[in-house]
């Protein structure tokens, strides 16, 4: 699901859930997400978030770097954007 992500953690690594049509499983947080609940990745990064939520998302992105080393460069870019958002929020 390129360009779409899990609305919970922002992970783009989604796979079809075998139990239902139109349902995807996030490979990071394990949540089952209906295809209509998936959101564009860029939109996820721009959502209003508190400092705590941004810090949690940074931790998730760091975990993703360990699980998906092939995406390391884009994850580093995401972390940089999130860190700059912390300064904007505070």
C-alpha atoms as a PDB file:
ATOM      1  CA  UNK A   1       0.000   0.000   0.000  1.00  0.00           C
ATOM      2  CA  UNK A   2       2.372   2.648  -1.231  1.00  0.00           C
ATOM      3  CA  UNK A   3       1.506   6.154  -0.081  1.00  0.00           C
ATOM      4  CA  UNK A   4      -0.991   4.990   2.550  1.00  0.00           C
ATOM      5  CA  UNK A   5      -0.280   4.243   6.167  1.00  0.00           C
ATOM      6  CA  UNK A   6      -1.727   2.863   9.375  1.00  0.00           C
ATOM      7  CA  UNK A   7      -3.704   5.595  11.167  1.00  0.00           C
ATOM      8  CA  UNK A   8      -2.309   4.428  14.511  1.00  0.00           C
ATOM      9  CA  UNK A   9       1.449   4.378  13.998  1.00  0.00           C
ATOM     10  CA  UNK A  10       2.077   5.770  10.504  1.00  0.00           C
ATOM     11  CA  UNK A  11       3.677   2.591   9.203  1.00  0.00           C
ATOM     12  CA  UNK A  12       3.353   1.990   5.459  1.00  0.00           C
ATOM     13  CA  UNK A  13       4.136  -1.712   5.807  1.00  0.00           C
ATOM     14  CA  UNK A  14       0.655  -3.138   5.449  1.00  0.00           C
ATOM     15  CA  UNK A  15      -0.348  -6.576   4.279  1.00  0.00           C
ATOM     16  CA  UNK A  16      -3.714  -8.077   3.436  1.00  0.00           C
ATOM     17  CA  UNK A  17      -5.373  -9.622   6.452  1.00  0.00           C
ATOM     18  CA  UNK A  18      -6.331 -13.129   5.412  1.00  0.00           C
ATOM     19  CA  UNK A  19      -9.608 -13.134   7.347  1.00  0.00           C
ATOM     20  CA  UNK A  20     -11.411 -10.317   5.527  1.00  0.00           C
ATOM     21  CA  UNK A  21     -11.547  -8.535   2.185  1.00  0.00           C
ATOM     22  CA  UNK A  22     -10.381  -4.917   2.261  1.00  0.00           C
ATOM     23  CA  UNK A  23      -8.697  -5.261   5.645  1.00  0.00           C
ATOM     24  CA  UNK A  24      -4.978  -4.767   6.118  1.00  0.00           C
ATOM     25  CA  UNK A  25      -2.704  -5.673   8.984  1.00  0.00           C
ATOM     26  CA  UNK A  26       0.009  -3.253  10.060  1.00  0.00           C
ATOM     27  CA  UNK A  27       3.274  -5.142  10.337  1.00  0.00           C
ATOM     28  CA  UNK A  28       4.520  -2.751  13.034  1.00  0.00           C
ATOM     29  CA  UNK A  29       1.688  -2.347  15.545  1.00  0.00           C
ATOM     30  CA  UNK A  30      -0.343  -5.383  14.445  1.00  0.00           C
ATOM     31  CA  UNK A  31      -3.592  -3.434  14.126  1.00  0.00           C
ATOM     32  CA  UNK A  32      -6.140  -4.564  11.555  1.00  0.00           C
ATOM     33  CA  UNK A  33      -7.244  -1.557   9.498  1.00  0.00           C
ATOM     34  CA  UNK A  34     -10.108  -1.287   7.018  1.00  0.00           C
ATOM     35  CA  UNK A  35      -8.956   0.019   3.648  1.00  0.00           C
ATOM     36  CA  UNK A  36     -11.192   3.076   4.085  1.00  0.00           C
ATOM     37  CA  UNK A  37      -9.414   4.001   7.334  1.00  0.00           C
ATOM     38  CA  UNK A  38      -5.954   4.105   5.750  1.00  0.00           C
ATOM     39  CA  UNK A  39      -4.637   7.637   5.376  1.00  0.00           C
ATOM     40  CA  UNK A  40      -2.042   9.209   3.065  1.00  0.00           C
ATOM     41  CA  UNK A  41       1.382   9.139   4.683  1.00  0.00           C
ATOM     42  CA  UNK A  42       1.962  12.856   4.099  1.00  0.00           C
ATOM     43  CA  UNK A  43      -1.324  13.652   5.778  1.00  0.00           C
ATOM     44  CA  UNK A  44      -0.376  11.524   8.784  1.00  0.00           C
ATOM     45  CA  UNK A  45       2.835  13.483   9.247  1.00  0.00           C
ATOM     46  CA  UNK A  46       0.922  16.783   9.158  1.00  0.00           C
ATOM     47  CA  UNK A  47      -1.798  15.886  11.683  1.00  0.00           C
ATOM     48  CA  UNK A  48      -2.102  18.003  14.806  1.00  0.00           C
ATOM     49  CA  UNK A  49      -0.248  16.208  17.569  1.00  0.00           C
ATOM     50  CA  UNK A  50       0.868  17.031  21.065  1.00  0.00           C
ATOM     51  CA  UNK A  51       4.547  16.956  22.000  1.00  0.00           C
ATOM     52  CA  UNK A  52       4.002  13.584  23.700  1.00  0.00           C
ATOM     53  CA  UNK A  53       2.373  12.139  20.582  1.00  0.00           C
ATOM     54  CA  UNK A  54       5.218  13.414  18.418  1.00  0.00           C
ATOM     55  CA  UNK A  55       7.788  11.850  20.762  1.00  0.00           C
ATOM     56  CA  UNK A  56       5.898   8.540  20.666  1.00  0.00           C
ATOM     57  CA  UNK A  57       5.872   8.697  16.877  1.00  0.00           C
ATOM     58  CA  UNK A  58       9.625   9.339  16.827  1.00  0.00           C
ATOM     59  CA  UNK A  59      10.074   6.202  18.950  1.00  0.00           C
ATOM     60  CA  UNK A  60       7.903   4.265  16.497  1.00  0.00           C
ATOM     61  CA  UNK A  61       9.997   5.524  13.575  1.00  0.00           C
ATOM     62  CA  UNK A  62      13.178   4.440  15.408  1.00  0.00           C
ATOM     63  CA  UNK A  63      11.677   0.971  15.908  1.00  0.00           C
ATOM     64  CA  UNK A  64      10.779   0.893  12.221  1.00  0.00           C
ATOM     65  CA  UNK A  65      14.437   1.550  11.327  1.00  0.00           C
ATOM     66  CA  UNK A  66      15.346  -1.686  13.094  1.00  0.00           C
ATOM     67  CA  UNK A  67      12.547  -3.680  11.486  1.00  0.00           C
ATOM     68  CA  UNK A  68      12.800  -2.175   8.000  1.00  0.00           C
ATOM     69  CA  UNK A  69      16.442  -1.167   7.397  1.00  0.00           C
ATOM     70  CA  UNK A  70      15.743  -0.742   3.671  1.00  0.00           C
ATOM     71  CA  UNK A  71      13.604   2.314   4.550  1.00  0.00           C
ATOM     72  CA  UNK A  72      16.191   3.902   6.824  1.00  0.00           C
ATOM     73  CA  UNK A  73      16.746   7.061   4.736  1.00  0.00           C
ATOM     74  CA  UNK A  74      13.051   7.942   4.533  1.00  0.00           C
ATOM     75  CA  UNK A  75      12.567   7.172   8.218  1.00  0.00           C
ATOM     76  CA  UNK A  76      15.440   9.505   9.118  1.00  0.00           C
ATOM     77  CA  UNK A  77      13.754  12.236   7.067  1.00  0.00           C
ATOM     78  CA  UNK A  78      10.492  11.603   8.939  1.00  0.00           C
ATOM     79  CA  UNK A  79      12.290  11.848  12.292  1.00  0.00           C
ATOM     80  CA  UNK A  80      13.891  15.147  11.277  1.00  0.00           C
ATOM     81  CA  UNK A  81      10.472  16.538  10.301  1.00  0.00           C
ATOM     82  CA  UNK A  82       8.969  15.371  13.578  1.00  0.00           C
ATOM     83  CA  UNK A  83      11.769  16.913  15.616  1.00  0.00           C
ATOM     84  CA  UNK A  84      11.265  20.239  13.876  1.00  0.00           C
ATOM     85  CA  UNK A  85       7.546  19.981  14.665  1.00  0.00           C
ATOM     86  CA  UNK A  86       8.355  19.632  18.363  1.00  0.00           C
ATOM     87  CA  UNK A  87      10.004  23.056  18.304  1.00  0.00           C
ATOM     88  CA  UNK A  88       7.001  24.477  16.451  1.00  0.00           C
ATOM     89  CA  UNK A  89       4.561  23.065  19.013  1.00  0.00           C
ATOM     90  CA  UNK A  90       6.507  24.288  22.051  1.00  0.00           C
END
